[in-house]
Amino acid sequence: MIKVNTTINAIKETIAALSGKTVSVKLNLGRNKFVTFPATVNGVYPSLFTVCPFDKNFLGKTAYSYSEILCGRVRVQEKSETTTK
């Protein structure tokens, strides 16, 4: 599903702003299968970006193109830093 007012350049700027921050990545694997994991955006390049999952045993792909966000296959949201006591 393509969002109406979203462009690749706007997505690039959003991901660049998240560089080095803790994010939640949600992947749509098809057939109603979703994977969600916490990660850090550690590389922003002209055609793709990379994330570093906190789980060292994560065997999934960690580099995504901006078009995957545009078509809805990948969602990246900044995690709020809340502390619980």
Protein backbone atom coordinates (compact mmCIF):
# COMPACT_ATOMS: atom_id res chain seq x y z
CA MET A 1 0.00 0.00 0.00
CA ILE A 2 1.55 3.27 -1.15
CA LYS A 3 0.96 6.34 0.96
CA VAL A 4 -0.26 9.32 -1.02
CA ASN A 5 1.95 12.17 0.21
CA THR A 6 5.14 10.22 0.86
CA THR A 7 8.19 10.41 -1.38
CA ILE A 8 11.51 8.60 -1.35
CA ASN A 9 13.29 11.84 -0.42
CA ALA A 10 11.00 12.36 2.60
CA ILE A 11 11.67 8.79 3.73
CA LYS A 12 15.44 9.32 3.35
CA GLU A 13 15.28 12.44 5.52
CA THR A 14 13.24 10.63 8.18
CA ILE A 15 15.66 7.69 8.33
CA ALA A 16 18.66 10.04 8.40
CA ALA A 17 17.11 11.77 11.43
CA LEU A 18 16.84 8.37 13.15
CA SER A 19 20.51 7.53 12.61
CA GLY A 20 22.07 6.26 15.83
CA LYS A 21 18.74 6.10 17.67
CA THR A 22 16.87 3.11 19.05
CA VAL A 23 14.01 2.09 16.76
CA SER A 24 11.42 -0.63 16.44
CA VAL A 25 11.49 -2.39 13.06
CA LYS A 26 8.40 -4.24 11.86
CA LEU A 27 8.74 -6.48 8.79
CA ASN A 28 5.86 -7.79 6.70
CA LEU A 29 6.96 -11.25 5.54
CA GLY A 30 3.75 -11.96 3.63
CA ARG A 31 0.89 -14.38 4.35
CA ASN A 32 0.07 -12.54 7.59
CA LYS A 33 3.54 -13.07 9.04
CA PHE A 34 5.17 -10.17 10.85
CA VAL A 35 8.47 -9.84 12.71
CA THR A 36 9.12 -6.97 15.12
CA PHE A 37 12.49 -6.34 16.74
CA PRO A 38 14.34 -3.48 18.46
CA ALA A 39 17.41 -2.16 16.65
CA THR A 40 19.64 0.83 16.04
CA VAL A 41 19.90 2.58 12.68
CA ASN A 42 23.63 2.52 12.03
CA GLY A 43 24.13 3.21 8.32
CA VAL A 44 22.35 5.60 5.97
CA TYR A 45 23.33 5.34 2.30
CA PRO A 46 21.89 6.81 -0.94
CA SER A 47 19.85 3.73 -1.87
CA LEU A 48 19.51 1.78 1.40
CA PHE A 49 19.91 1.90 5.17
CA THR A 50 21.15 -0.67 7.68
CA VAL A 51 20.00 -1.53 11.17
CA CYS A 52 21.78 -3.42 13.94
CA PRO A 53 19.37 -5.64 15.91
CA PHE A 54 19.86 -5.91 19.67
CA ASP A 55 19.45 -9.70 19.49
CA LYS A 56 22.79 -11.13 18.33
CA ASN A 57 21.06 -14.37 17.24
CA PHE A 58 18.83 -12.52 14.76
CA LEU A 59 19.32 -14.19 11.38
CA GLY A 60 17.17 -11.85 9.26
CA LYS A 61 18.14 -9.21 6.74
CA THR A 62 19.44 -5.99 8.26
CA ALA A 63 19.71 -3.76 5.17
CA TYR A 64 16.56 -2.27 3.66
CA SER A 65 15.82 0.00 0.72
CA TYR A 66 13.72 3.13 1.07
CA SER A 67 11.20 1.71 -1.41
CA GLU A 68 10.43 -1.12 1.05
CA ILE A 69 9.16 1.54 3.47
CA LEU A 70 7.22 3.25 0.68
CA CYS A 71 5.37 0.05 -0.28
CA GLY A 72 4.72 -0.94 3.36
CA ARG A 73 6.98 -3.99 3.65
CA VAL A 74 9.10 -2.35 6.40
CA ARG A 75 8.06 0.04 9.18
CA VAL A 76 10.55 1.90 11.32
CA GLN A 77 9.42 3.78 14.42
CA GLU A 78 11.51 5.55 17.00
CA LYS A 79 11.23 3.96 20.42
CA SER A 80 10.49 6.37 23.22
CA GLU A 81 13.02 6.35 26.03
CA THR A 82 10.86 5.56 29.04
CA THR A 83 12.28 4.39 32.28
CA THR A 84 10.31 2.15 34.58
CA LYS A 85 11.01 1.97 38.27
